[in-house]
């Protein structure tokens, strides 16, 4: 069962990424990089929710089955993109890449090694997170809900540890105009925040406090997003405390999205854009994969400015949605047939 609020948040995330990589200079382009971190928080929430539900429904967790189900979601769409992009670059642009770059893409280690595309590193972060969470679950022999408070404190400790690592890494570069990094251990805290939100939703009464105090939650998220607007992208503040604040803000948005649905009596001026963003969110993975190849190929037609961006935006979404229906959906149907979820009401990844 899909959650419309989370689909809407997904849609916002991929739209931010599309703006970031586009050539149209505007506010959304400047902050668009944060869409990747919003995806991280979403991923952490969804995967942790799946794992928690399996533990509570069955009393155990099967890592092999987990990886198979995630594999049906991630690998067919990604490897199809990989093959098409490599062939296109070779035949059309006479571009070739080193075997090490290709292997980094194939084995999802782009966050640590030289790779080909500028956006696939985030897939490596998520894939490596799947491995870690599976190993952690293997280490848990007994699931005791009474220990949840300790788990929440442990997760919070991990967030502080990651922040500490970022401070140590970034401090020597505190005067640089821009210092960027994509190492998993420095960017995974967005996923950890998502895990924390999943814990809070499942084991506390926090979800009962969301909609009645929606405005306060939104104000808190807005305050936490201040570094995104007023600090320099790639600067010391943004790379350290800024990223932590941003991930916590996105955690609030995911929390709201997990409890929010659009009312049937909503105005069409609200319903139409929300439904459009939610539709984009449903197909966000394939849109994310293909948007840069679309941007690259459209460049050959000599367009520029706003026209170039609008065509790119429409074509990126169109290509992603098409790939979603042609590649993603058939494999997801086979997955659900061969490896069905334990709970029919479980969130689909």
C-alpha atoms as a PDB file:
ATOM      1  CA  UNK A   1       0.000   0.000   0.000  1.00  0.00           C
ATOM      2  CA  UNK A   2       1.466   3.319  -1.078  1.00  0.00           C
ATOM      3  CA  UNK A   3       1.456   6.310   1.248  1.00  0.00           C
ATOM      4  CA  UNK A   4       0.501   9.386  -0.753  1.00  0.00           C
ATOM      5  CA  UNK A   5       2.242  11.779   1.608  1.00  0.00           C
ATOM      6  CA  UNK A   6       5.554  10.002   1.132  1.00  0.00           C
ATOM      7  CA  UNK A   7       5.075   9.869  -2.639  1.00  0.00           C
ATOM      8  CA  UNK A   8       4.607  13.647  -2.551  1.00  0.00           C
ATOM      9  CA  UNK A   9       7.858  14.055  -0.585  1.00  0.00           C
ATOM     10  CA  UNK A  10       9.616  11.753  -3.094  1.00  0.00           C
ATOM     11  CA  UNK A  11       8.348  13.911  -5.913  1.00  0.00           C
ATOM     12  CA  UNK A  12       9.718  17.051  -4.283  1.00  0.00           C
ATOM     13  CA  UNK A  13      13.080  15.326  -3.805  1.00  0.00           C
ATOM     14  CA  UNK A  14      13.507  14.328  -7.445  1.00  0.00           C
ATOM     15  CA  UNK A  15      12.256  17.720  -8.687  1.00  0.00           C
ATOM     16  CA  UNK A  16      14.961  19.373  -6.561  1.00  0.00           C
ATOM     17  CA  UNK A  17      17.592  17.106  -8.140  1.00  0.00           C
ATOM     18  CA  UNK A  18      16.326  17.902 -11.646  1.00  0.00           C
ATOM     19  CA  UNK A  19      16.608  21.631 -10.923  1.00  0.00           C
ATOM     20  CA  UNK A  20      20.089  21.165  -9.460  1.00  0.00           C
ATOM     21  CA  UNK A  21      21.509  19.552 -12.576  1.00  0.00           C
ATOM     22  CA  UNK A  22      19.650  21.825 -14.973  1.00  0.00           C
ATOM     23  CA  UNK A  23      21.216  24.927 -16.500  1.00  0.00           C
ATOM     24  CA  UNK A  24      18.548  27.403 -15.415  1.00  0.00           C
ATOM     25  CA  UNK A  25      19.956  29.632 -12.680  1.00  0.00           C
ATOM     26  CA  UNK A  26      17.360  30.001  -9.934  1.00  0.00           C
ATOM     27  CA  UNK A  27      16.840  29.442  -6.217  1.00  0.00           C
ATOM     28  CA  UNK A  28      15.788  25.796  -6.667  1.00  0.00           C
ATOM     29  CA  UNK A  29      18.975  25.090  -8.585  1.00  0.00           C
ATOM     30  CA  UNK A  30      21.053  26.472  -5.729  1.00  0.00           C
ATOM     31  CA  UNK A  31      19.372  24.274  -3.113  1.00  0.00           C
ATOM     32  CA  UNK A  32      18.556  21.347  -5.407  1.00  0.00           C
ATOM     33  CA  UNK A  33      21.471  19.242  -4.172  1.00  0.00           C
ATOM     34  CA  UNK A  34      19.516  18.723  -0.938  1.00  0.00           C
ATOM     35  CA  UNK A  35      17.074  16.500  -2.825  1.00  0.00           C
ATOM     36  CA  UNK A  36      19.589  13.666  -2.506  1.00  0.00           C
ATOM     37  CA  UNK A  37      19.609  14.006   1.282  1.00  0.00           C
ATOM     38  CA  UNK A  38      15.809  14.015   1.306  1.00  0.00           C
ATOM     39  CA  UNK A  39      15.959  10.732  -0.619  1.00  0.00           C
ATOM     40  CA  UNK A  40      18.337   9.363   2.024  1.00  0.00           C
ATOM     41  CA  UNK A  41      15.918  10.160   4.850  1.00  0.00           C
ATOM     42  CA  UNK A  42      13.029   8.622   2.907  1.00  0.00           C
ATOM     43  CA  UNK A  43      15.037   5.485   2.221  1.00  0.00           C
ATOM     44  CA  UNK A  44      16.046   5.093   5.856  1.00  0.00           C
ATOM     45  CA  UNK A  45      12.439   5.452   6.987  1.00  0.00           C
ATOM     46  CA  UNK A  46      11.023   2.997   4.458  1.00  0.00           C
ATOM     47  CA  UNK A  47      13.670   0.313   4.900  1.00  0.00           C
ATOM     48  CA  UNK A  48      13.579   0.528   8.708  1.00  0.00           C
ATOM     49  CA  UNK A  49       9.774   0.297   8.612  1.00  0.00           C
ATOM     50  CA  UNK A  50       9.975  -2.840   6.492  1.00  0.00           C
ATOM     51  CA  UNK A  51      12.540  -4.443   8.777  1.00  0.00           C
ATOM     52  CA  UNK A  52      10.658  -3.544  11.975  1.00  0.00           C
ATOM     53  CA  UNK A  53       7.394  -4.918  10.600  1.00  0.00           C
ATOM     54  CA  UNK A  54       9.033  -8.161   9.551  1.00  0.00           C
ATOM     55  CA  UNK A  55      10.553  -8.570  13.006  1.00  0.00           C
ATOM     56  CA  UNK A  56       7.253  -7.900  14.747  1.00  0.00           C
ATOM     57  CA  UNK A  57       5.154  -9.993  12.341  1.00  0.00           C
ATOM     58  CA  UNK A  58       7.412 -13.041  12.167  1.00  0.00           C
ATOM     59  CA  UNK A  59       9.858 -12.753  15.065  1.00  0.00           C
ATOM     60  CA  UNK A  60      12.890 -12.851  12.781  1.00  0.00           C
ATOM     61  CA  UNK A  61      14.558 -11.188   9.801  1.00  0.00           C
ATOM     62  CA  UNK A  62      15.856 -12.948   6.668  1.00  0.00           C
ATOM     63  CA  UNK A  63      18.703 -10.914   5.103  1.00  0.00           C
ATOM     64  CA  UNK A  64      18.819 -13.041   1.945  1.00  0.00           C
ATOM     65  CA  UNK A  65      15.162 -12.466   1.244  1.00  0.00           C
ATOM     66  CA  UNK A  66      15.580  -8.778   2.015  1.00  0.00           C
ATOM     67  CA  UNK A  67      18.413  -8.438  -0.517  1.00  0.00           C
ATOM     68  CA  UNK A  68      16.478 -10.330  -3.181  1.00  0.00           C
ATOM     69  CA  UNK A  69      13.477  -8.041  -2.820  1.00  0.00           C
ATOM     70  CA  UNK A  70      15.653  -4.914  -2.879  1.00  0.00           C
ATOM     71  CA  UNK A  71      17.564  -6.341  -5.820  1.00  0.00           C
ATOM     72  CA  UNK A  72      14.391  -6.631  -7.895  1.00  0.00           C
ATOM     73  CA  UNK A  73      13.765  -2.946  -7.165  1.00  0.00           C
ATOM     74  CA  UNK A  74      17.263  -1.548  -7.683  1.00  0.00           C
ATOM     75  CA  UNK A  75      19.283  -3.674 -10.094  1.00  0.00           C
ATOM     76  CA  UNK A  76      17.195  -4.121 -13.287  1.00  0.00           C
ATOM     77  CA  UNK A  77      16.512  -0.394 -13.650  1.00  0.00           C
ATOM     78  CA  UNK A  78      20.074   0.597 -12.787  1.00  0.00           C
ATOM     79  CA  UNK A  79      21.885  -1.909 -14.984  1.00  0.00           C
ATOM     80  CA  UNK A  80      19.612  -1.113 -17.910  1.00  0.00           C
ATOM     81  CA  UNK A  81      20.488   2.547 -17.474  1.00  0.00           C
ATOM     82  CA  UNK A  82      24.172   1.645 -17.163  1.00  0.00           C
ATOM     83  CA  UNK A  83      24.191  -0.332 -20.425  1.00  0.00           C
ATOM     84  CA  UNK A  84      22.219   2.234 -22.419  1.00  0.00           C
ATOM     85  CA  UNK A  85      24.307   5.143 -21.131  1.00  0.00           C
ATOM     86  CA  UNK A  86      27.603   3.392 -21.916  1.00  0.00           C
ATOM     87  CA  UNK A  87      26.462   2.442 -25.422  1.00  0.00           C
ATOM     88  CA  UNK A  88      25.108   5.945 -26.077  1.00  0.00           C
ATOM     89  CA  UNK A  89      28.333   7.604 -24.993  1.00  0.00           C
ATOM     90  CA  UNK A  90      30.410   5.227 -27.084  1.00  0.00           C
ATOM     91  CA  UNK A  91      28.374   5.339 -30.303  1.00  0.00           C
ATOM     92  CA  UNK A  92      27.233   8.954 -30.242  1.00  0.00           C
ATOM     93  CA  UNK A  93      30.068  10.732 -28.432  1.00  0.00           C
ATOM     94  CA  UNK A  94      32.952   8.274 -28.896  1.00  0.00           C
ATOM     95  CA  UNK A  95      33.465   8.330 -25.146  1.00  0.00           C
ATOM     96  CA  UNK A  96      34.952   5.389 -23.307  1.00  0.00           C
ATOM     97  CA  UNK A  97      35.537   4.880 -19.622  1.00  0.00           C
ATOM     98  CA  UNK A  98      38.131   2.945 -17.682  1.00  0.00           C
ATOM     99  CA  UNK A  99      37.332  -0.516 -16.391  1.00  0.00           C
ATOM    100  CA  UNK A 100      37.780   0.731 -12.814  1.00  0.00           C
ATOM    101  CA  UNK A 101      35.126   3.417 -13.345  1.00  0.00           C
ATOM    102  CA  UNK A 102      32.703   0.905 -14.818  1.00  0.00           C
ATOM    103  CA  UNK A 103      33.354  -1.608 -12.030  1.00  0.00           C
ATOM    104  CA  UNK A 104      32.740   1.091  -9.439  1.00  0.00           C
ATOM    105  CA  UNK A 105      29.310   1.603 -10.966  1.00  0.00           C
ATOM    106  CA  UNK A 106      28.579  -2.108 -11.323  1.00  0.00           C
ATOM    107  CA  UNK A 107      29.399  -2.933  -7.692  1.00  0.00           C
ATOM    108  CA  UNK A 108      27.908   0.213  -6.126  1.00  0.00           C
ATOM    109  CA  UNK A 109      31.131   1.586  -4.670  1.00  0.00           C
ATOM    110  CA  UNK A 110      30.870   4.955  -6.425  1.00  0.00           C
ATOM    111  CA  UNK A 111      30.887   6.813  -3.115  1.00  0.00           C
ATOM    112  CA  UNK A 112      34.519   5.828  -2.517  1.00  0.00           C
ATOM    113  CA  UNK A 113      36.089   5.272  -5.955  1.00  0.00           C
ATOM    114  CA  UNK A 114      36.288   7.175  -9.251  1.00  0.00           C
ATOM    115  CA  UNK A 115      33.090   6.643 -11.199  1.00  0.00           C
ATOM    116  CA  UNK A 116      31.318   7.833 -14.328  1.00  0.00           C
ATOM    117  CA  UNK A 117      28.205   9.791 -13.417  1.00  0.00           C
ATOM    118  CA  UNK A 118      27.769  12.522 -10.872  1.00  0.00           C
ATOM    119  CA  UNK A 119      24.528  11.210  -9.382  1.00  0.00           C
ATOM    120  CA  UNK A 120      24.990   7.472  -8.891  1.00  0.00           C
ATOM    121  CA  UNK A 121      27.140   7.850  -5.769  1.00  0.00           C
ATOM    122  CA  UNK A 122      23.946   8.207  -3.741  1.00  0.00           C
ATOM    123  CA  UNK A 123      22.871   4.732  -4.859  1.00  0.00           C
ATOM    124  CA  UNK A 124      26.122   3.393  -3.424  1.00  0.00           C
ATOM    125  CA  UNK A 125      25.378   5.011  -0.066  1.00  0.00           C
ATOM    126  CA  UNK A 126      21.972   3.338   0.052  1.00  0.00           C
ATOM    127  CA  UNK A 127      23.248  -0.033  -1.147  1.00  0.00           C
ATOM    128  CA  UNK A 128      25.973  -0.069   1.494  1.00  0.00           C
ATOM    129  CA  UNK A 129      23.376   0.874   4.088  1.00  0.00           C
ATOM    130  CA  UNK A 130      21.348  -2.209   3.126  1.00  0.00           C
ATOM    131  CA  UNK A 131      24.371  -4.365   3.906  1.00  0.00           C
ATOM    132  CA  UNK A 132      24.927  -2.717   7.284  1.00  0.00           C
ATOM    133  CA  UNK A 133      21.313  -2.980   8.372  1.00  0.00           C
ATOM    134  CA  UNK A 134      21.191  -6.642   7.333  1.00  0.00           C
ATOM    135  CA  UNK A 135      24.320  -7.400   9.376  1.00  0.00           C
ATOM    136  CA  UNK A 136      22.911  -5.524  12.364  1.00  0.00           C
ATOM    137  CA  UNK A 137      19.679  -7.492  12.172  1.00  0.00           C
ATOM    138  CA  UNK A 138      21.626 -10.737  11.969  1.00  0.00           C
ATOM    139  CA  UNK A 139      23.344  -9.760  15.201  1.00  0.00           C
ATOM    140  CA  UNK A 140      19.985  -9.367  16.955  1.00  0.00           C
ATOM    141  CA  UNK A 141      18.964 -12.745  18.359  1.00  0.00           C
ATOM    142  CA  UNK A 142      16.040 -11.552  20.406  1.00  0.00           C
ATOM    143  CA  UNK A 143      13.674  -8.692  19.581  1.00  0.00           C
ATOM    144  CA  UNK A 144      12.561  -6.998  22.773  1.00  0.00           C
ATOM    145  CA  UNK A 145      10.402  -3.874  22.297  1.00  0.00           C
ATOM    146  CA  UNK A 146      11.298  -2.789  25.830  1.00  0.00           C
ATOM    147  CA  UNK A 147      14.791  -2.075  24.586  1.00  0.00           C
ATOM    148  CA  UNK A 148      13.544   0.371  21.990  1.00  0.00           C
ATOM    149  CA  UNK A 149      14.379   3.441  24.060  1.00  0.00           C
ATOM    150  CA  UNK A 150      17.977   2.248  24.236  1.00  0.00           C
ATOM    151  CA  UNK A 151      17.936   1.700  20.470  1.00  0.00           C
ATOM    152  CA  UNK A 152      16.708   5.250  19.911  1.00  0.00           C
ATOM    153  CA  UNK A 153      19.531   6.613  22.053  1.00  0.00           C
ATOM    154  CA  UNK A 154      21.992   4.422  20.145  1.00  0.00           C
ATOM    155  CA  UNK A 155      20.728   5.787  16.820  1.00  0.00           C
ATOM    156  CA  UNK A 156      21.065   9.337  18.149  1.00  0.00           C
ATOM    157  CA  UNK A 157      24.626   8.504  19.185  1.00  0.00           C
ATOM    158  CA  UNK A 158      25.407   7.349  15.649  1.00  0.00           C
ATOM    159  CA  UNK A 159      24.185  10.717  14.328  1.00  0.00           C
ATOM    160  CA  UNK A 160      26.508  12.566  16.672  1.00  0.00           C
ATOM    161  CA  UNK A 161      29.420  10.301  15.721  1.00  0.00           C
ATOM    162  CA  UNK A 162      28.891  10.993  11.999  1.00  0.00           C
ATOM    163  CA  UNK A 163      28.736  14.727  12.709  1.00  0.00           C
ATOM    164  CA  UNK A 164      32.003  14.435  14.619  1.00  0.00           C
ATOM    165  CA  UNK A 165      33.661  12.663  11.679  1.00  0.00           C
ATOM    166  CA  UNK A 166      32.509  15.381   9.310  1.00  0.00           C
ATOM    167  CA  UNK A 167      33.918  18.097  11.565  1.00  0.00           C
ATOM    168  CA  UNK A 168      37.297  16.332  11.679  1.00  0.00           C
ATOM    169  CA  UNK A 169      37.387  15.840   7.880  1.00  0.00           C
ATOM    170  CA  UNK A 170      36.142  19.321   6.994  1.00  0.00           C
ATOM    171  CA  UNK A 171      38.058  21.405   9.551  1.00  0.00           C
ATOM    172  CA  UNK A 172      41.309  21.538   7.520  1.00  0.00           C
ATOM    173  CA  UNK A 173      39.204  22.837   4.585  1.00  0.00           C
ATOM    174  CA  UNK A 174      37.227  25.391   6.595  1.00  0.00           C
ATOM    175  CA  UNK A 175      38.561  28.291   4.512  1.00  0.00           C
ATOM    176  CA  UNK A 176      38.084  26.605   1.126  1.00  0.00           C
ATOM    177  CA  UNK A 177      35.511  28.124  -1.221  1.00  0.00           C
ATOM    178  CA  UNK A 178      33.950  24.697  -1.569  1.00  0.00           C
ATOM    179  CA  UNK A 179      34.775  21.269  -0.195  1.00  0.00           C
ATOM    180  CA  UNK A 180      32.568  18.418  -1.362  1.00  0.00           C
ATOM    181  CA  UNK A 181      32.534  14.771  -0.311  1.00  0.00           C
ATOM    182  CA  UNK A 182      30.351  11.765  -0.944  1.00  0.00           C
ATOM    183  CA  UNK A 183      31.871   9.087   1.277  1.00  0.00           C
ATOM    184  CA  UNK A 184      29.188   6.856   2.712  1.00  0.00           C
ATOM    185  CA  UNK A 185      30.329   7.196   6.315  1.00  0.00           C
ATOM    186  CA  UNK A 186      30.043  10.998   6.048  1.00  0.00           C
ATOM    187  CA  UNK A 187      26.675  11.166   4.263  1.00  0.00           C
ATOM    188  CA  UNK A 188      24.758   8.233   5.698  1.00  0.00           C
ATOM    189  CA  UNK A 189      23.283  10.221   8.588  1.00  0.00           C
ATOM    190  CA  UNK A 190      20.302  11.145   6.421  1.00  0.00           C
ATOM    191  CA  UNK A 191      19.432   7.454   6.258  1.00  0.00           C
ATOM    192  CA  UNK A 192      20.034   7.152  10.000  1.00  0.00           C
ATOM    193  CA  UNK A 193      17.576  10.000  10.622  1.00  0.00           C
ATOM    194  CA  UNK A 194      15.031   8.075   8.549  1.00  0.00           C
ATOM    195  CA  UNK A 195      15.612   5.007  10.711  1.00  0.00           C
ATOM    196  CA  UNK A 196      15.102   7.126  13.817  1.00  0.00           C
ATOM    197  CA  UNK A 197      11.785   8.450  12.467  1.00  0.00           C
ATOM    198  CA  UNK A 198      10.640   4.880  11.731  1.00  0.00           C
ATOM    199  CA  UNK A 199      11.464   3.874  15.314  1.00  0.00           C
ATOM    200  CA  UNK A 200       9.585   6.855  16.721  1.00  0.00           C
ATOM    201  CA  UNK A 201       6.526   6.199  14.564  1.00  0.00           C
ATOM    202  CA  UNK A 202       6.371   2.517  15.456  1.00  0.00           C
ATOM    203  CA  UNK A 203       7.274   2.539  19.146  1.00  0.00           C
ATOM    204  CA  UNK A 204       6.143   5.918  20.482  1.00  0.00           C
ATOM    205  CA  UNK A 205       3.026   8.062  20.290  1.00  0.00           C
ATOM    206  CA  UNK A 206       4.708  10.695  18.139  1.00  0.00           C
ATOM    207  CA  UNK A 207       2.384  10.052  15.181  1.00  0.00           C
ATOM    208  CA  UNK A 208      -0.540  11.200  17.331  1.00  0.00           C
ATOM    209  CA  UNK A 209       1.158  14.568  17.734  1.00  0.00           C
ATOM    210  CA  UNK A 210       1.820  15.257  14.049  1.00  0.00           C
ATOM    211  CA  UNK A 211      -1.399  16.519  12.469  1.00  0.00           C
ATOM    212  CA  UNK A 212      -2.758  18.353  15.556  1.00  0.00           C
ATOM    213  CA  UNK A 213       0.491  20.338  15.760  1.00  0.00           C
ATOM    214  CA  UNK A 214       1.305  20.417  12.042  1.00  0.00           C
ATOM    215  CA  UNK A 215       2.157  24.129  11.970  1.00  0.00           C
ATOM    216  CA  UNK A 216       4.651  23.780  14.814  1.00  0.00           C
ATOM    217  CA  UNK A 217       6.330  20.848  13.064  1.00  0.00           C
ATOM    218  CA  UNK A 218       6.595  22.863   9.851  1.00  0.00           C
ATOM    219  CA  UNK A 219       8.052  25.845  11.712  1.00  0.00           C
ATOM    220  CA  UNK A 220      10.630  23.551  13.346  1.00  0.00           C
ATOM    221  CA  UNK A 221      11.556  22.110   9.941  1.00  0.00           C
ATOM    222  CA  UNK A 222      11.864  25.605   8.506  1.00  0.00           C
ATOM    223  CA  UNK A 223      14.192  26.704  11.297  1.00  0.00           C
ATOM    224  CA  UNK A 224      16.379  23.642  10.779  1.00  0.00           C
ATOM    225  CA  UNK A 225      16.581  24.450   7.056  1.00  0.00           C
ATOM    226  CA  UNK A 226      18.054  27.907   7.651  1.00  0.00           C
ATOM    227  CA  UNK A 227      21.636  26.749   6.859  1.00  0.00           C
ATOM    228  CA  UNK A 228      20.431  25.551   3.437  1.00  0.00           C
ATOM    229  CA  UNK A 229      19.415  29.088   2.505  1.00  0.00           C
ATOM    230  CA  UNK A 230      21.902  31.279   4.336  1.00  0.00           C
ATOM    231  CA  UNK A 231      25.160  29.317   4.394  1.00  0.00           C
ATOM    232  CA  UNK A 232      27.495  28.547   1.532  1.00  0.00           C
ATOM    233  CA  UNK A 233      27.020  25.220  -0.229  1.00  0.00           C
ATOM    234  CA  UNK A 234      30.171  23.183   0.321  1.00  0.00           C
ATOM    235  CA  UNK A 235      31.309  25.482   3.116  1.00  0.00           C
ATOM    236  CA  UNK A 236      32.393  24.324   6.563  1.00  0.00           C
ATOM    237  CA  UNK A 237      29.129  25.194   8.337  1.00  0.00           C
ATOM    238  CA  UNK A 238      26.944  23.547   5.704  1.00  0.00           C
ATOM    239  CA  UNK A 239      29.168  20.465   5.502  1.00  0.00           C
ATOM    240  CA  UNK A 240      29.017  19.874   9.250  1.00  0.00           C
ATOM    241  CA  UNK A 241      26.204  21.235  11.399  1.00  0.00           C
ATOM    242  CA  UNK A 242      24.242  22.311   8.333  1.00  0.00           C
ATOM    243  CA  UNK A 243      23.892  18.790   6.965  1.00  0.00           C
ATOM    244  CA  UNK A 244      22.816  17.498  10.367  1.00  0.00           C
ATOM    245  CA  UNK A 245      20.166  20.217  10.704  1.00  0.00           C
ATOM    246  CA  UNK A 246      18.997  19.611   7.152  1.00  0.00           C
ATOM    247  CA  UNK A 247      18.596  15.884   7.712  1.00  0.00           C
ATOM    248  CA  UNK A 248      16.628  16.504  10.900  1.00  0.00           C
ATOM    249  CA  UNK A 249      14.384  18.915   8.978  1.00  0.00           C
ATOM    250  CA  UNK A 250      13.830  16.297   6.308  1.00  0.00           C
ATOM    251  CA  UNK A 251      13.102  13.778   9.049  1.00  0.00           C
ATOM    252  CA  UNK A 252      10.249  16.043  10.162  1.00  0.00           C
ATOM    253  CA  UNK A 253       8.953  16.261   6.589  1.00  0.00           C
ATOM    254  CA  UNK A 254       9.061  12.473   6.234  1.00  0.00           C
ATOM    255  CA  UNK A 255       7.283  12.129   9.579  1.00  0.00           C
ATOM    256  CA  UNK A 256       4.566  14.483   8.344  1.00  0.00           C
ATOM    257  CA  UNK A 257       4.380  12.712   4.985  1.00  0.00           C
ATOM    258  CA  UNK A 258       3.947   9.340   6.672  1.00  0.00           C
ATOM    259  CA  UNK A 259       0.804  10.611   8.438  1.00  0.00           C
ATOM    260  CA  UNK A 260      -0.641  12.981   5.835  1.00  0.00           C
ATOM    261  CA  UNK A 261      -3.123  12.307   3.042  1.00  0.00           C
ATOM    262  CA  UNK A 262      -4.768  14.798   0.725  1.00  0.00           C
ATOM    263  CA  UNK A 263      -8.403  15.339   1.642  1.00  0.00           C
ATOM    264  CA  UNK A 264     -11.005  14.640  -1.033  1.00  0.00           C
ATOM    265  CA  UNK A 265     -12.567  18.068  -0.581  1.00  0.00           C
ATOM    266  CA  UNK A 266      -9.274  19.896  -1.159  1.00  0.00           C
ATOM    267  CA  UNK A 267      -9.286  22.699  -3.707  1.00  0.00           C
ATOM    268  CA  UNK A 268      -8.252  21.728  -7.227  1.00  0.00           C
ATOM    269  CA  UNK A 269      -5.486  24.334  -6.991  1.00  0.00           C
ATOM    270  CA  UNK A 270      -4.006  22.220  -4.229  1.00  0.00           C
ATOM    271  CA  UNK A 271      -5.068  18.792  -5.443  1.00  0.00           C
ATOM    272  CA  UNK A 272      -3.659  19.075  -8.975  1.00  0.00           C
ATOM    273  CA  UNK A 273      -0.027  20.062  -8.109  1.00  0.00           C
ATOM    274  CA  UNK A 274       0.042  17.675  -5.147  1.00  0.00           C
ATOM    275  CA  UNK A 275      -1.172  14.782  -7.307  1.00  0.00           C
ATOM    276  CA  UNK A 276       1.332  15.690 -10.015  1.00  0.00           C
ATOM    277  CA  UNK A 277       4.195  15.730  -7.527  1.00  0.00           C
ATOM    278  CA  UNK A 278       2.978  12.426  -6.049  1.00  0.00           C
ATOM    279  CA  UNK A 279       2.861  10.867  -9.530  1.00  0.00           C
ATOM    280  CA  UNK A 280       6.420  12.009 -10.142  1.00  0.00           C
ATOM    281  CA  UNK A 281       7.343  10.585  -6.743  1.00  0.00           C
ATOM    282  CA  UNK A 282       5.959   7.155  -7.625  1.00  0.00           C
ATOM    283  CA  UNK A 283       8.391   7.033 -10.559  1.00  0.00           C
ATOM    284  CA  UNK A 284      11.202   8.967  -8.868  1.00  0.00           C
ATOM    285  CA  UNK A 285      13.818   6.197  -8.968  1.00  0.00           C
ATOM    286  CA  UNK A 286      13.793   5.858 -12.750  1.00  0.00           C
ATOM    287  CA  UNK A 287      13.521   9.623 -13.205  1.00  0.00           C
ATOM    288  CA  UNK A 288      16.569  10.036 -10.987  1.00  0.00           C
ATOM    289  CA  UNK A 289      18.506   7.451 -12.965  1.00  0.00           C
ATOM    290  CA  UNK A 290      17.813   8.837 -16.446  1.00  0.00           C
ATOM    291  CA  UNK A 291      17.626  12.608 -15.990  1.00  0.00           C
ATOM    292  CA  UNK A 292      21.326  13.349 -16.571  1.00  0.00           C
ATOM    293  CA  UNK A 293      21.511  11.282 -19.740  1.00  0.00           C
ATOM    294  CA  UNK A 294      18.480  13.192 -21.025  1.00  0.00           C
ATOM    295  CA  UNK A 295      20.191  16.496 -20.153  1.00  0.00           C
ATOM    296  CA  UNK A 296      23.355  15.379 -21.932  1.00  0.00           C
ATOM    297  CA  UNK A 297      21.595  14.369 -25.139  1.00  0.00           C
ATOM    298  CA  UNK A 298      19.394  17.466 -25.327  1.00  0.00           C
ATOM    299  CA  UNK A 299      22.514  19.624 -25.217  1.00  0.00           C
ATOM    300  CA  UNK A 300      23.291  18.523 -28.780  1.00  0.00           C
ATOM    301  CA  UNK A 301      20.247  20.409 -30.075  1.00  0.00           C
ATOM    302  CA  UNK A 302      21.728  23.800 -29.245  1.00  0.00           C
ATOM    303  CA  UNK A 303      19.031  24.932 -26.831  1.00  0.00           C
ATOM    304  CA  UNK A 304      19.762  27.263 -23.941  1.00  0.00           C
ATOM    305  CA  UNK A 305      18.173  29.192 -21.117  1.00  0.00           C
ATOM    306  CA  UNK A 306      14.650  28.588 -19.907  1.00  0.00           C
ATOM    307  CA  UNK A 307      13.632  26.741 -23.085  1.00  0.00           C
ATOM    308  CA  UNK A 308      16.418  24.205 -22.597  1.00  0.00           C
ATOM    309  CA  UNK A 309      15.410  23.693 -18.974  1.00  0.00           C
ATOM    310  CA  UNK A 310      11.685  23.251 -19.677  1.00  0.00           C
ATOM    311  CA  UNK A 311      12.352  20.697 -22.433  1.00  0.00           C
ATOM    312  CA  UNK A 312      14.853  18.919 -20.196  1.00  0.00           C
ATOM    313  CA  UNK A 313      12.409  18.869 -17.271  1.00  0.00           C
ATOM    314  CA  UNK A 314       9.576  17.410 -19.359  1.00  0.00           C
ATOM    315  CA  UNK A 315      11.777  14.890 -21.172  1.00  0.00           C
ATOM    316  CA  UNK A 316      13.515  13.756 -17.969  1.00  0.00           C
ATOM    317  CA  UNK A 317      10.194  13.010 -16.320  1.00  0.00           C
ATOM    318  CA  UNK A 318       8.815  11.416 -19.477  1.00  0.00           C
ATOM    319  CA  UNK A 319      11.866   9.196 -19.905  1.00  0.00           C
ATOM    320  CA  UNK A 320      11.850   8.214 -16.240  1.00  0.00           C
ATOM    321  CA  UNK A 321       8.152   7.374 -16.178  1.00  0.00           C
ATOM    322  CA  UNK A 322       8.506   5.321 -19.379  1.00  0.00           C
ATOM    323  CA  UNK A 323      11.476   3.414 -17.957  1.00  0.00           C
ATOM    324  CA  UNK A 324       9.515   2.849 -14.757  1.00  0.00           C
ATOM    325  CA  UNK A 325       6.623   1.215 -16.611  1.00  0.00           C
ATOM    326  CA  UNK A 326       8.846  -0.740 -19.016  1.00  0.00           C
ATOM    327  CA  UNK A 327      11.571  -1.919 -16.622  1.00  0.00           C
ATOM    328  CA  UNK A 328      10.724  -1.332 -12.959  1.00  0.00           C
ATOM    329  CA  UNK A 329       7.111  -2.433 -12.803  1.00  0.00           C
ATOM    330  CA  UNK A 330       7.459  -5.839 -14.514  1.00  0.00           C
ATOM    331  CA  UNK A 331      10.301  -6.794 -12.172  1.00  0.00           C
ATOM    332  CA  UNK A 332       8.380  -5.577  -9.126  1.00  0.00           C
ATOM    333  CA  UNK A 333       5.407  -7.713 -10.167  1.00  0.00           C
ATOM    334  CA  UNK A 334       7.685 -10.763 -10.495  1.00  0.00           C
ATOM    335  CA  UNK A 335       9.218  -9.920  -7.127  1.00  0.00           C
ATOM    336  CA  UNK A 336       5.852  -9.751  -5.373  1.00  0.00           C
ATOM    337  CA  UNK A 337       4.807 -13.002  -7.021  1.00  0.00           C
ATOM    338  CA  UNK A 338       7.974 -14.922  -6.201  1.00  0.00           C
ATOM    339  CA  UNK A 339       8.817 -13.258  -2.874  1.00  0.00           C
ATOM    340  CA  UNK A 340       5.600 -11.740  -1.469  1.00  0.00           C
ATOM    341  CA  UNK A 341       5.670  -9.567   1.607  1.00  0.00           C
ATOM    342  CA  UNK A 342       4.781 -11.122   4.927  1.00  0.00           C
ATOM    343  CA  UNK A 343       2.156  -8.451   5.488  1.00  0.00           C
ATOM    344  CA  UNK A 344      -0.172  -7.441   2.698  1.00  0.00           C
ATOM    345  CA  UNK A 345      -0.341  -3.928   4.135  1.00  0.00           C
ATOM    346  CA  UNK A 346       3.397  -3.542   4.163  1.00  0.00           C
ATOM    347  CA  UNK A 347       4.852  -0.415   2.570  1.00  0.00           C
ATOM    348  CA  UNK A 348       6.106  -1.130  -0.912  1.00  0.00           C
ATOM    349  CA  UNK A 349       9.724  -0.089  -1.450  1.00  0.00           C
END
